[in-house]
N, C-alpha and C. Protein backbone atom coordinates (compact mmCIF):
# COMPACT_ATOMS: atom_id res chain seq x y z
N MET A 1 23.69 -8.82 -55.61
CA MET A 1 24.90 -9.76 -55.64
C MET A 1 25.21 -9.92 -54.37
N ILE A 2 26.01 -11.58 -53.88
CA ILE A 2 27.16 -11.85 -54.13
C ILE A 2 28.32 -12.21 -54.52
N ASP A 3 29.64 -11.97 -54.83
CA ASP A 3 30.38 -12.16 -55.62
C ASP A 3 31.00 -13.37 -55.20
N ALA A 4 32.25 -13.52 -55.34
CA ALA A 4 33.14 -14.55 -55.22
C ALA A 4 33.60 -14.25 -54.43
N ALA A 5 34.11 -13.41 -54.08
CA ALA A 5 35.13 -12.42 -53.15
C ALA A 5 34.37 -12.11 -51.45
N HIS A 6 32.89 -12.01 -51.62
CA HIS A 6 32.14 -11.85 -50.70
C HIS A 6 31.42 -13.09 -49.90
N ALA A 7 31.67 -14.47 -50.70
CA ALA A 7 30.73 -15.43 -50.52
C ALA A 7 31.55 -15.95 -49.14
N SER A 8 31.91 -15.81 -48.73
CA SER A 8 32.31 -15.87 -47.15
C SER A 8 31.91 -15.49 -45.83
N LYS A 9 30.69 -14.39 -46.81
CA LYS A 9 31.03 -13.17 -45.48
C LYS A 9 29.71 -13.00 -45.72
N LYS A 10 29.25 -12.41 -43.37
CA LYS A 10 27.57 -12.52 -43.57
C LYS A 10 26.84 -11.46 -44.15
N LEU A 11 25.04 -11.09 -44.29
CA LEU A 11 24.92 -9.56 -44.78
C LEU A 11 24.14 -9.27 -42.69
N HIS A 12 24.50 -8.23 -42.65
CA HIS A 12 23.82 -7.67 -41.14
C HIS A 12 22.52 -6.44 -41.57
N ILE A 13 21.21 -6.95 -41.74
CA ILE A 13 20.05 -6.52 -41.91
C ILE A 13 20.01 -5.42 -40.29
N ILE A 14 19.50 -4.37 -40.34
CA ILE A 14 18.49 -3.73 -39.91
C ILE A 14 18.09 -3.34 -40.77
N ALA A 15 16.03 -3.36 -40.41
CA ALA A 15 14.70 -3.09 -40.13
C ALA A 15 14.37 -2.17 -39.66
N GLN A 16 14.89 -0.52 -39.32
CA GLN A 16 14.15 -0.02 -37.92
C GLN A 16 13.16 0.73 -38.24
N ALA A 17 11.73 1.01 -37.15
CA ALA A 17 10.66 1.25 -36.80
C ALA A 17 11.07 2.79 -37.61
N ASP A 18 10.52 3.88 -38.44
CA ASP A 18 10.33 5.01 -38.10
C ASP A 18 9.38 5.93 -36.79
N ASP A 19 9.02 4.98 -36.09
CA ASP A 19 7.68 4.76 -35.45
C ASP A 19 7.37 3.65 -35.00
N ASP A 20 6.23 4.33 -33.50
CA ASP A 20 6.28 3.11 -32.65
C ASP A 20 5.38 1.83 -32.81
N SER A 21 4.77 2.13 -33.76
CA SER A 21 3.94 1.38 -34.23
C SER A 21 3.83 0.68 -35.80
N THR A 22 5.03 0.60 -36.50
CA THR A 22 5.03 -0.46 -37.22
C THR A 22 5.70 -1.69 -36.80
N ASP A 23 4.74 -2.49 -37.77
CA ASP A 23 6.09 -3.81 -37.49
C ASP A 23 6.83 -4.37 -38.73
N THR A 24 7.94 -4.63 -39.16
CA THR A 24 8.48 -5.16 -39.76
C THR A 24 9.52 -6.56 -39.76
N ALA A 25 9.18 -7.71 -40.65
CA ALA A 25 9.51 -8.92 -40.84
C ALA A 25 10.52 -9.00 -42.79
N VAL A 26 11.52 -9.37 -41.78
CA VAL A 26 12.62 -9.68 -43.06
C VAL A 26 12.14 -11.20 -43.12
N ASP A 27 13.46 -11.22 -44.69
CA ASP A 27 13.74 -12.12 -45.16
C ASP A 27 14.38 -12.31 -46.33
N VAL A 28 15.38 -13.06 -46.57
CA VAL A 28 16.17 -13.03 -47.46
C VAL A 28 16.08 -14.17 -48.20
N THR A 29 15.86 -14.02 -50.04
CA THR A 29 15.87 -14.73 -50.77
C THR A 29 16.42 -14.81 -51.92
N THR A 30 16.38 -16.43 -53.07
CA THR A 30 17.33 -16.07 -53.36
C THR A 30 16.69 -15.57 -55.30
N ASN A 31 15.28 -15.89 -55.27
CA ASN A 31 14.94 -15.48 -56.53
C ASN A 31 13.66 -14.03 -56.31
N GLY A 32 13.04 -13.83 -55.03
CA GLY A 32 12.51 -13.34 -54.70
C GLY A 32 10.75 -14.18 -54.13
N THR A 33 10.76 -15.71 -54.02
CA THR A 33 10.02 -15.71 -53.31
C THR A 33 10.90 -16.94 -52.22
N THR A 34 11.59 -17.82 -52.76
CA THR A 34 12.22 -18.57 -51.74
C THR A 34 13.28 -18.66 -50.86
N SER A 35 12.83 -18.30 -49.36
CA SER A 35 13.84 -18.13 -48.42
C SER A 35 15.48 -19.11 -48.95
N ALA A 36 16.60 -17.86 -48.44
CA ALA A 36 17.54 -18.51 -48.05
C ALA A 36 17.80 -18.09 -46.18
N ILE A 37 16.87 -18.58 -45.63
CA ILE A 37 17.18 -17.87 -44.15
C ILE A 37 16.42 -18.91 -43.33
N GLY A 38 15.68 -19.49 -44.37
CA GLY A 38 14.14 -20.21 -43.23
C GLY A 38 12.95 -19.74 -43.18
N GLY A 39 12.77 -18.88 -43.88
CA GLY A 39 11.64 -17.93 -43.71
C GLY A 39 11.72 -16.89 -43.19
N GLU A 40 10.80 -15.90 -43.04
CA GLU A 40 10.70 -14.37 -42.48
C GLU A 40 10.58 -14.60 -41.23
N TYR A 41 11.83 -13.46 -41.27
CA TYR A 41 12.60 -13.20 -39.40
C TYR A 41 11.65 -12.46 -38.39
N ASP A 42 11.12 -12.39 -37.90
CA ASP A 42 9.66 -11.76 -36.95
C ASP A 42 10.24 -11.12 -36.11
N GLY A 43 12.00 -11.32 -35.17
CA GLY A 43 11.97 -10.54 -34.37
C GLY A 43 12.37 -11.99 -33.30
N GLY A 44 13.83 -11.73 -32.64
CA GLY A 44 13.52 -12.77 -31.41
C GLY A 44 13.23 -12.27 -29.84
N VAL A 45 13.35 -12.93 -29.08
CA VAL A 45 12.89 -12.27 -27.25
C VAL A 45 14.80 -11.93 -27.37
N ASN A 46 15.85 -12.85 -27.79
CA ASN A 46 17.07 -12.17 -26.64
C ASN A 46 18.27 -11.52 -28.26
N ASP A 47 17.57 -11.55 -29.10
CA ASP A 47 18.86 -10.87 -30.26
C ASP A 47 18.99 -9.65 -30.92
N GLY A 48 17.96 -8.99 -29.62
CA GLY A 48 18.21 -6.84 -30.05
C GLY A 48 17.19 -6.84 -31.36
N SER A 49 16.29 -8.10 -31.61
CA SER A 49 15.04 -7.23 -31.94
C SER A 49 13.26 -6.83 -31.84
N ASP A 50 12.33 -6.59 -31.88
CA ASP A 50 11.32 -6.54 -31.70
C ASP A 50 10.17 -7.18 -30.85
N GLN A 51 10.70 -8.81 -30.84
CA GLN A 51 10.40 -9.37 -30.01
C GLN A 51 9.00 -10.26 -30.72
N GLY A 52 8.68 -9.75 -32.38
CA GLY A 52 7.85 -10.04 -33.08
C GLY A 52 6.49 -9.08 -32.37
N PHE A 53 6.87 -8.13 -31.88
CA PHE A 53 5.57 -6.84 -31.82
C PHE A 53 6.41 -5.96 -33.30
N SER A 54 5.08 -4.71 -32.78
CA SER A 54 5.79 -3.12 -33.43
C SER A 54 6.67 -2.45 -33.06
N CYS A 55 6.94 -2.72 -31.05
CA CYS A 55 8.36 -2.13 -30.51
C CYS A 55 8.19 -3.17 -29.62
N GLY A 56 9.50 -4.03 -29.40
CA GLY A 56 9.72 -4.42 -27.95
C GLY A 56 9.68 -3.74 -27.39
N PHE A 57 10.02 -4.94 -25.38
CA PHE A 57 8.80 -4.06 -24.81
C PHE A 57 10.44 -3.05 -24.30
N PHE A 58 11.73 -3.95 -24.56
CA PHE A 58 12.77 -2.66 -24.13
C PHE A 58 12.86 -1.48 -25.40
N GLY A 59 11.83 -1.24 -25.58
CA GLY A 59 12.32 -0.22 -26.76
C GLY A 59 13.01 -0.26 -28.01
N THR A 60 13.22 -0.81 -28.46
CA THR A 60 13.68 -2.18 -30.41
C THR A 60 12.37 -1.99 -30.93
N CYS A 61 12.40 -1.92 -32.14
CA CYS A 61 11.82 -1.02 -32.97
C CYS A 61 12.16 -1.44 -34.48
N GLY A 62 12.18 -2.29 -34.74
CA GLY A 62 12.31 -3.64 -35.82
C GLY A 62 13.27 -4.82 -36.03
N GLU A 63 14.04 -4.84 -36.48
CA GLU A 63 14.64 -6.10 -36.85
C GLU A 63 16.51 -5.70 -36.75
N ASP A 64 16.90 -6.82 -36.54
CA ASP A 64 18.67 -6.55 -36.51
C ASP A 64 19.27 -8.30 -36.16
N ILE A 65 19.58 -8.15 -37.39
CA ILE A 65 20.13 -9.95 -37.90
C ILE A 65 20.68 -10.15 -38.37
N VAL A 66 21.91 -11.20 -38.29
CA VAL A 66 22.89 -12.10 -39.16
C VAL A 66 23.12 -13.20 -39.95
N VAL A 67 22.92 -12.86 -41.22
CA VAL A 67 22.50 -13.88 -41.35
C VAL A 67 23.95 -14.28 -42.77
N GLY A 68 23.85 -15.71 -43.02
CA GLY A 68 25.29 -16.47 -43.58
C GLY A 68 26.06 -17.23 -42.97
N PRO A 69 27.05 -17.56 -43.56
CA PRO A 69 27.60 -17.10 -45.04
C PRO A 69 26.77 -17.58 -46.26
N LEU A 70 26.21 -16.86 -46.99
CA LEU A 70 25.91 -17.05 -48.40
C LEU A 70 26.64 -17.30 -49.16
N ALA A 71 27.04 -18.64 -50.22
CA ALA A 71 27.04 -18.56 -51.55
C ALA A 71 27.33 -17.33 -51.97
N ALA A 72 27.78 -17.47 -52.94
CA ALA A 72 28.41 -16.61 -54.38
C ALA A 72 26.69 -16.53 -54.94
N GLY A 73 26.48 -15.65 -55.35
CA GLY A 73 24.62 -15.81 -56.04
C GLY A 73 24.21 -14.24 -55.61
N THR A 74 23.17 -14.68 -56.11
CA THR A 74 22.23 -12.76 -56.30
C THR A 74 20.88 -13.51 -55.10
N TYR A 75 20.05 -12.15 -54.27
CA TYR A 75 19.46 -12.49 -53.38
C TYR A 75 19.21 -11.09 -52.64
N TYR A 76 18.08 -10.96 -52.56
CA TYR A 76 17.03 -10.14 -52.52
C TYR A 76 16.78 -10.18 -50.51
N VAL A 77 16.23 -8.61 -50.28
CA VAL A 77 16.57 -8.38 -48.87
C VAL A 77 15.00 -7.68 -48.80
N LYS A 78 13.50 -8.37 -48.46
CA LYS A 78 12.94 -8.48 -48.64
C LYS A 78 12.13 -7.87 -46.93
N VAL A 79 11.47 -7.04 -47.38
CA VAL A 79 10.87 -6.66 -46.34
C VAL A 79 9.39 -6.02 -46.17
N ALA A 80 8.25 -6.76 -44.94
CA ALA A 80 7.25 -7.12 -45.31
C ALA A 80 6.17 -6.96 -43.69
N GLN A 81 5.47 -6.70 -43.95
CA GLN A 81 4.77 -6.57 -42.10
C GLN A 81 4.50 -7.84 -41.21
N GLY A 82 5.34 -6.94 -40.26
CA GLY A 82 5.37 -7.94 -38.87
C GLY A 82 3.91 -8.46 -39.28
N GLY A 83 3.98 -9.58 -37.93
CA GLY A 83 2.41 -10.72 -37.75
C GLY A 83 1.64 -9.46 -36.66
N THR A 84 2.00 -9.10 -35.43
CA THR A 84 1.55 -8.66 -34.01
C THR A 84 1.82 -7.54 -33.79
N PRO A 85 0.95 -5.99 -33.81
CA PRO A 85 -0.44 -6.16 -34.41
C PRO A 85 0.58 -5.22 -36.28
N TYR A 86 -0.74 -5.78 -37.00
CA TYR A 86 -0.27 -4.95 -37.85
C TYR A 86 -1.45 -3.36 -38.42
N ASP A 87 -1.03 -2.83 -39.02
CA ASP A 87 -1.89 -1.43 -39.11
C ASP A 87 -1.52 -0.69 -40.59
N ALA A 88 -1.75 -1.42 -41.18
CA ALA A 88 -1.46 -0.41 -43.05
C ALA A 88 -1.13 1.02 -43.10
N SER A 89 -1.24 1.42 -41.63
CA SER A 89 -1.99 3.15 -41.87
C SER A 89 0.03 3.23 -41.82
N PHE A 90 0.46 2.71 -40.86
CA PHE A 90 2.30 2.85 -40.11
C PHE A 90 3.03 0.98 -40.55
N LYS A 91 3.78 1.83 -41.84
CA LYS A 91 4.79 1.02 -43.26
C LYS A 91 6.09 1.71 -42.54
N ASN A 92 6.53 3.10 -42.06
CA ASN A 92 7.63 3.92 -43.26
C ASN A 92 8.32 3.47 -41.65
N TYR A 93 10.15 2.73 -42.38
CA TYR A 93 11.10 2.06 -42.15
C TYR A 93 12.02 2.63 -42.75
N THR A 94 13.63 2.36 -41.77
CA THR A 94 14.96 2.40 -42.59
C THR A 94 15.53 1.24 -42.61
N LEU A 95 15.84 0.99 -44.04
CA LEU A 95 16.43 -0.32 -44.06
C LEU A 95 18.45 -0.19 -43.81
N LEU A 96 18.73 -1.16 -43.27
CA LEU A 96 20.53 -0.63 -43.69
C LEU A 96 20.96 -2.05 -44.01
N VAL A 97 21.49 -2.10 -44.56
CA VAL A 97 22.09 -3.85 -45.48
C VAL A 97 23.67 -3.67 -45.32
N TRP A 98 24.61 -4.25 -44.72
CA TRP A 98 26.59 -4.47 -45.43
C TRP A 98 26.90 -6.03 -44.74
N PHE A 99 28.09 -5.38 -45.15
CA PHE A 99 28.33 -7.22 -45.14
C PHE A 99 29.30 -7.27 -44.01
N GLU A 100 29.48 -8.00 -43.48
CA GLU A 100 30.65 -8.69 -42.32
C GLU A 100 31.44 -9.35 -42.64
């Protein structure tokens, strides 16, 4: 929940894969289903994320995004399987979330 004192801040989210084959995608939702950031994020080419693969070509395994500023309210950080490739046996990750 983001209170009025933190409403002008951004959320920094890192979903770091614990192995080379885990592919994550992250989203920030307002009710568990409605995206507050325009949909799931599964890696960008130039932003320090995994480029949409299980591990980026430069060794990055996971997503690293900053979203916001977000208005006061309740938000959920959702971590799901990424798109390419996906193997259910590789699902371990570490999630870090903080205000900036």
